Every structure is written in structure tokens, then in C-alpha cells.
Amino acid sequence: WSGKSLEDIDNVIVSVGPGSFTGVR
């Protein structure tokens, strides 16, 4: 939808929890 690809991404932010054990992983 955004017309982008993985190769265009410079920064990645990921939530590490807390929360569901499966969800976080």
C-alpha cells in the first residue's frame, strides 16, 4: 500500500514486552 520494500527501511522499532509470552516472541 505504501509502495515501499524491505530494502527501503532504515530503522526498525520492536516492542519487547511485557505481555503475552507468545506475542512478544
PDB file of all heavy atoms in Angstrom:
ATOM      1  N   TRP A   1       0.816  -1.218   0.000  1.00  0.00           N
ATOM      2  CA  TRP A   1       0.000   0.000   0.000  1.00  0.00           C
ATOM      3  C   TRP A   1       0.847   1.264   0.000  1.00  0.00           C
ATOM      4  O   TRP A   1       0.446   2.288  -0.529  1.00  0.00           O
ATOM      5  CB  TRP A   1      -0.925   0.000   1.206  1.00  0.00           C
ATOM      6  CG  TRP A   1      -1.982  -1.068   1.164  1.00  0.00           C
ATOM      7  CD1 TRP A   1      -2.460  -1.706   0.046  1.00  0.00           C
ATOM      8  CD2 TRP A   1      -2.686  -1.639   2.269  1.00  0.00           C
ATOM      9  NE1 TRP A   1      -3.406  -2.644   0.382  1.00  0.00           N
ATOM     10  CE2 TRP A   1      -3.578  -2.628   1.733  1.00  0.00           C
ATOM     11  CE3 TRP A   1      -2.655  -1.419   3.635  1.00  0.00           C
ATOM     12  CZ2 TRP A   1      -4.414  -3.374   2.543  1.00  0.00           C
ATOM     13  CZ3 TRP A   1      -3.502  -2.167   4.438  1.00  0.00           C
ATOM     14  CH2 TRP A   1      -4.370  -3.132   3.902  1.00  0.00           C
ATOM     15  N   SER A   2       2.022   1.195   0.636  1.00  0.00           N
ATOM     16  CA  SER A   2       2.878   2.386   0.710  1.00  0.00           C
ATOM     17  C   SER A   2       3.845   2.484  -0.460  1.00  0.00           C
ATOM     18  O   SER A   2       4.535   3.500  -0.614  1.00  0.00           O
ATOM     19  CB  SER A   2       3.666   2.376   2.025  1.00  0.00           C
ATOM     20  OG  SER A   2       4.505   1.238   2.090  1.00  0.00           O
ATOM     21  N   GLY A   3       3.922   1.436  -1.287  1.00  0.00           N
ATOM     22  CA  GLY A   3       4.844   1.442  -2.416  1.00  0.00           C
ATOM     23  C   GLY A   3       6.293   1.309  -1.998  1.00  0.00           C
ATOM     24  O   GLY A   3       7.200   1.746  -2.726  1.00  0.00           O
ATOM     25  N   LYS A   4       6.530   0.679  -0.853  1.00  0.00           N
ATOM     26  CA  LYS A   4       7.892   0.517  -0.336  1.00  0.00           C
ATOM     27  C   LYS A   4       8.263  -0.968  -0.282  1.00  0.00           C
ATOM     28  O   LYS A   4       7.428  -1.848  -0.441  1.00  0.00           O
ATOM     29  CB  LYS A   4       8.013   1.126   1.066  1.00  0.00           C
ATOM     30  CG  LYS A   4       7.718   2.613   1.131  1.00  0.00           C
ATOM     31  CD  LYS A   4       8.756   3.422   0.366  1.00  0.00           C
ATOM     32  CE  LYS A   4       8.493   4.907   0.484  1.00  0.00           C
ATOM     33  NZ  LYS A   4       9.500   5.709  -0.260  1.00  0.00           N
ATOM     34  N   SER A   5       9.553  -1.231  -0.020  1.00  0.00           N
ATOM     35  CA  SER A   5      10.043  -2.598   0.129  1.00  0.00           C
ATOM     36  C   SER A   5      10.913  -2.678   1.375  1.00  0.00           C
ATOM     37  O   SER A   5      11.283  -1.653   1.965  1.00  0.00           O
ATOM     38  CB  SER A   5      10.856  -3.020  -1.092  1.00  0.00           C
ATOM     39  OG  SER A   5      12.066  -2.275  -1.165  1.00  0.00           O
ATOM     40  N   LEU A   6      11.260  -3.903   1.777  1.00  0.00           N
ATOM     41  CA  LEU A   6      12.125  -4.074   2.948  1.00  0.00           C
ATOM     42  C   LEU A   6      13.446  -3.352   2.766  1.00  0.00           C
ATOM     43  O   LEU A   6      14.024  -2.819   3.725  1.00  0.00           O
ATOM     44  CB  LEU A   6      12.389  -5.567   3.201  1.00  0.00           C
ATOM     45  CG  LEU A   6      11.258  -6.409   3.782  1.00  0.00           C
ATOM     46  CD1 LEU A   6      11.736  -7.837   3.986  1.00  0.00           C
ATOM     47  CD2 LEU A   6      10.759  -5.824   5.094  1.00  0.00           C
ATOM     48  N   GLU A   7      13.954  -3.327   1.535  1.00  0.00           N
ATOM     49  CA  GLU A   7      15.246  -2.677   1.257  1.00  0.00           C
ATOM     50  C   GLU A   7      15.217  -1.172   1.510  1.00  0.00           C
ATOM     51  O   GLU A   7      16.261  -0.544   1.710  1.00  0.00           O
ATOM     52  CB  GLU A   7      15.660  -2.945  -0.187  1.00  0.00           C
ATOM     53  CG  GLU A   7      16.104  -4.375  -0.473  1.00  0.00           C
ATOM     54  CD  GLU A   7      14.955  -5.367  -0.489  1.00  0.00           C
ATOM     55  OE1 GLU A   7      13.783  -4.930  -0.703  1.00  0.00           O
ATOM     56  OE2 GLU A   7      15.205  -6.559  -0.275  1.00  0.00           O
ATOM     57  N   ASP A   8      14.016  -0.581   1.549  1.00  0.00           N
ATOM     58  CA  ASP A   8      13.903   0.865   1.775  1.00  0.00           C
ATOM     59  C   ASP A   8      13.967   1.230   3.258  1.00  0.00           C
ATOM     60  O   ASP A   8      14.176   2.396   3.606  1.00  0.00           O
ATOM     61  CB  ASP A   8      12.570   1.386   1.210  1.00  0.00           C
ATOM     62  CG  ASP A   8      12.466   1.220  -0.289  1.00  0.00           C
ATOM     63  OD1 ASP A   8      13.495   1.416  -0.969  1.00  0.00           O
ATOM     64  OD2 ASP A   8      11.372   0.881  -0.775  1.00  0.00           O
ATOM     65  N   ILE A   9      13.796   0.251   4.141  1.00  0.00           N
ATOM     66  CA  ILE A   9      13.686   0.529   5.577  1.00  0.00           C
ATOM     67  C   ILE A   9      15.066   0.764   6.200  1.00  0.00           C
ATOM     68  O   ILE A   9      15.989  -0.029   6.003  1.00  0.00           O
ATOM     69  CB  ILE A   9      12.960  -0.624   6.291  1.00  0.00           C
ATOM     70  CG1 ILE A   9      11.508  -0.691   5.801  1.00  0.00           C
ATOM     71  CG2 ILE A   9      13.001  -0.442   7.811  1.00  0.00           C
ATOM     72  CD1 ILE A   9      10.722  -1.880   6.321  1.00  0.00           C
ATOM     73  N   ASP A  10      15.185   1.853   6.950  1.00  0.00           N
ATOM     74  CA  ASP A  10      16.444   2.218   7.606  1.00  0.00           C
ATOM     75  C   ASP A  10      16.434   1.906   9.099  1.00  0.00           C
ATOM     76  O   ASP A  10      17.464   1.533   9.668  1.00  0.00           O
ATOM     77  CB  ASP A  10      16.710   3.722   7.424  1.00  0.00           C
ATOM     78  CG  ASP A  10      16.736   4.133   5.973  1.00  0.00           C
ATOM     79  OD1 ASP A  10      17.691   3.767   5.277  1.00  0.00           O
ATOM     80  OD2 ASP A  10      15.780   4.809   5.531  1.00  0.00           O
ATOM     81  N   ASN A  11      15.281   2.123   9.753  1.00  0.00           N
ATOM     82  CA  ASN A  11      15.155   1.910  11.201  1.00  0.00           C
ATOM     83  C   ASN A  11      14.023   0.939  11.489  1.00  0.00           C
ATOM     84  O   ASN A  11      12.982   0.975  10.823  1.00  0.00           O
ATOM     85  CB  ASN A  11      14.857   3.225  11.932  1.00  0.00           C
ATOM     86  CG  ASN A  11      15.949   4.251  11.747  1.00  0.00           C
ATOM     87  OD1 ASN A  11      17.128   3.945  11.832  1.00  0.00           O
ATOM     88  ND2 ASN A  11      15.550   5.492  11.479  1.00  0.00           N
ATOM     89  N   VAL A  12      14.221   0.101  12.503  1.00  0.00           N
ATOM     90  CA  VAL A  12      13.187  -0.833  12.942  1.00  0.00           C
ATOM     91  C   VAL A  12      12.997  -0.669  14.445  1.00  0.00           C
ATOM     92  O   VAL A  12      13.969  -0.680  15.204  1.00  0.00           O
ATOM     93  CB  VAL A  12      13.570  -2.291  12.631  1.00  0.00           C
ATOM     94  CG1 VAL A  12      12.515  -3.247  13.180  1.00  0.00           C
ATOM     95  CG2 VAL A  12      13.757  -2.501  11.132  1.00  0.00           C
ATOM     96  N   ILE A  13      11.745  -0.507  14.870  1.00  0.00           N
ATOM     97  CA  ILE A  13      11.427  -0.419  16.298  1.00  0.00           C
ATOM     98  C   ILE A  13      10.540  -1.597  16.649  1.00  0.00           C
ATOM     99  O   ILE A  13       9.496  -1.806  16.032  1.00  0.00           O
ATOM    100  CB  ILE A  13      10.686   0.888  16.639  1.00  0.00           C
ATOM    101  CG1 ILE A  13      11.413   2.100  16.071  1.00  0.00           C
ATOM    102  CG2 ILE A  13      10.539   1.032  18.157  1.00  0.00           C
ATOM    103  CD1 ILE A  13      10.626   3.394  16.193  1.00  0.00           C
ATOM    104  N   VAL A  14      10.931  -2.354  17.672  1.00  0.00           N
ATOM    105  CA  VAL A  14      10.166  -3.538  18.055  1.00  0.00           C
ATOM    106  C   VAL A  14       9.857  -3.499  19.545  1.00  0.00           C
ATOM    107  O   VAL A  14      10.719  -3.196  20.362  1.00  0.00           O
ATOM    108  CB  VAL A  14      10.920  -4.831  17.683  1.00  0.00           C
ATOM    109  CG1 VAL A  14      12.305  -4.883  18.313  1.00  0.00           C
ATOM    110  CG2 VAL A  14      10.110  -6.072  18.062  1.00  0.00           C
ATOM    111  N   SER A  15       8.606  -3.805  19.888  1.00  0.00           N
ATOM    112  CA  SER A  15       8.224  -3.924  21.290  1.00  0.00           C
ATOM    113  C   SER A  15       8.745  -5.242  21.838  1.00  0.00           C
ATOM    114  O   SER A  15       8.531  -6.304  21.247  1.00  0.00           O
ATOM    115  CB  SER A  15       6.706  -3.864  21.442  1.00  0.00           C
ATOM    116  OG  SER A  15       6.322  -4.189  22.765  1.00  0.00           O
ATOM    117  N   VAL A  16       9.400  -5.179  23.003  1.00  0.00           N
ATOM    118  CA  VAL A  16       9.944  -6.391  23.624  1.00  0.00           C
ATOM    119  C   VAL A  16       9.115  -6.812  24.835  1.00  0.00           C
ATOM    120  O   VAL A  16       9.500  -7.685  25.595  1.00  0.00           O
ATOM    121  CB  VAL A  16      11.418  -6.200  24.026  1.00  0.00           C
ATOM    122  CG1 VAL A  16      12.285  -5.998  22.798  1.00  0.00           C
ATOM    123  CG2 VAL A  16      11.590  -5.032  24.997  1.00  0.00           C
ATOM    124  N   GLY A  17       7.946  -6.190  25.035  1.00  0.00           N
ATOM    125  CA  GLY A  17       7.075  -6.563  26.135  1.00  0.00           C
ATOM    126  C   GLY A  17       7.035  -5.476  27.187  1.00  0.00           C
ATOM    127  O   GLY A  17       7.517  -4.370  26.964  1.00  0.00           O
ATOM    128  N   PRO A  18       6.439  -5.815  28.332  1.00  0.00           N
ATOM    129  CA  PRO A  18       5.895  -7.109  28.730  1.00  0.00           C
ATOM    130  C   PRO A  18       4.547  -7.380  28.080  1.00  0.00           C
ATOM    131  O   PRO A  18       3.923  -6.479  27.548  1.00  0.00           O
ATOM    132  CB  PRO A  18       5.763  -6.974  30.250  1.00  0.00           C
ATOM    133  CG  PRO A  18       5.480  -5.519  30.455  1.00  0.00           C
ATOM    134  CD  PRO A  18       6.294  -4.815  29.416  1.00  0.00           C
ATOM    135  N   GLY A  19       4.134  -8.652  28.162  1.00  0.00           N
ATOM    136  CA  GLY A  19       2.865  -9.028  27.585  1.00  0.00           C
ATOM    137  C   GLY A  19       2.808 -10.523  27.376  1.00  0.00           C
ATOM    138  O   GLY A  19       3.492 -11.282  28.062  1.00  0.00           O
ATOM    139  N   SER A  20       2.026 -10.943  26.409  1.00  0.00           N
ATOM    140  CA  SER A  20       1.886 -12.352  26.096  1.00  0.00           C
ATOM    141  C   SER A  20       3.235 -12.960  25.748  1.00  0.00           C
ATOM    142  O   SER A  20       3.989 -12.411  24.938  1.00  0.00           O
ATOM    143  CB  SER A  20       0.924 -12.515  24.915  1.00  0.00           C
ATOM    144  OG  SER A  20       1.095 -13.739  24.265  1.00  0.00           O
ATOM    145  N   PHE A  21       3.559 -14.100  26.335  1.00  0.00           N
ATOM    146  CA  PHE A  21       4.836 -14.749  26.038  1.00  0.00           C
ATOM    147  C   PHE A  21       4.960 -15.038  24.548  1.00  0.00           C
ATOM    148  O   PHE A  21       5.984 -14.752  23.934  1.00  0.00           O
ATOM    149  CB  PHE A  21       4.965 -16.058  26.838  1.00  0.00           C
ATOM    150  CG  PHE A  21       5.200 -15.848  28.304  1.00  0.00           C
ATOM    151  CD1 PHE A  21       4.156 -15.862  29.199  1.00  0.00           C
ATOM    152  CD2 PHE A  21       6.483 -15.629  28.785  1.00  0.00           C
ATOM    153  CE1 PHE A  21       4.369 -15.671  30.556  1.00  0.00           C
ATOM    154  CE2 PHE A  21       6.716 -15.427  30.135  1.00  0.00           C
ATOM    155  CZ  PHE A  21       5.655 -15.446  31.025  1.00  0.00           C
ATOM    156  N   THR A  22       3.906 -15.595  23.970  1.00  0.00           N
ATOM    157  CA  THR A  22       3.935 -15.902  22.542  1.00  0.00           C
ATOM    158  C   THR A  22       3.957 -14.631  21.713  1.00  0.00           C
ATOM    159  O   THR A  22       4.728 -14.510  20.756  1.00  0.00           O
ATOM    160  CB  THR A  22       2.715 -16.749  22.155  1.00  0.00           C
ATOM    161  OG1 THR A  22       2.724 -17.962  22.912  1.00  0.00           O
ATOM    162  CG2 THR A  22       2.729 -17.088  20.677  1.00  0.00           C
ATOM    163  N   GLY A  23       3.126 -13.664  22.085  1.00  0.00           N
ATOM    164  CA  GLY A  23       3.041 -12.427  21.318  1.00  0.00           C
ATOM    165  C   GLY A  23       4.352 -11.678  21.256  1.00  0.00           C
ATOM    166  O   GLY A  23       4.774 -11.213  20.189  1.00  0.00           O
ATOM    167  N   VAL A  24       5.026 -11.548  22.379  1.00  0.00           N
ATOM    168  CA  VAL A  24       6.306 -10.842  22.414  1.00  0.00           C
ATOM    169  C   VAL A  24       7.312 -11.536  21.507  1.00  0.00           C
ATOM    170  O   VAL A  24       8.047 -10.888  20.747  1.00  0.00           O
ATOM    171  CB  VAL A  24       6.847 -10.764  23.856  1.00  0.00           C
ATOM    172  CG1 VAL A  24       8.270 -10.225  23.871  1.00  0.00           C
ATOM    173  CG2 VAL A  24       5.949  -9.881  24.711  1.00  0.00           C
ATOM    174  N   ARG A  25       7.350 -12.855  21.548  1.00  0.00           N
ATOM    175  CA  ARG A  25       8.316 -13.600  20.737  1.00  0.00           C
ATOM    176  C   ARG A  25       8.029 -13.462  19.250  1.00  0.00           C
ATOM    177  O   ARG A  25       8.961 -13.468  18.432  1.00  0.00           O
ATOM    178  CB  ARG A  25       8.313 -15.072  21.142  1.00  0.00           C
ATOM    179  CG  ARG A  25       8.905 -15.345  22.513  1.00  0.00           C
ATOM    180  CD  ARG A  25       9.234 -16.828  22.687  1.00  0.00           C
ATOM    181  NE  ARG A  25       8.054 -17.673  22.591  1.00  0.00           N
ATOM    182  CZ  ARG A  25       7.302 -18.016  23.622  1.00  0.00           C
ATOM    183  NH1 ARG A  25       7.603 -17.566  24.837  1.00  0.00           N
ATOM    184  NH2 ARG A  25       6.254 -18.798  23.459  1.00  0.00           N
TER     185      ARG A  25
END
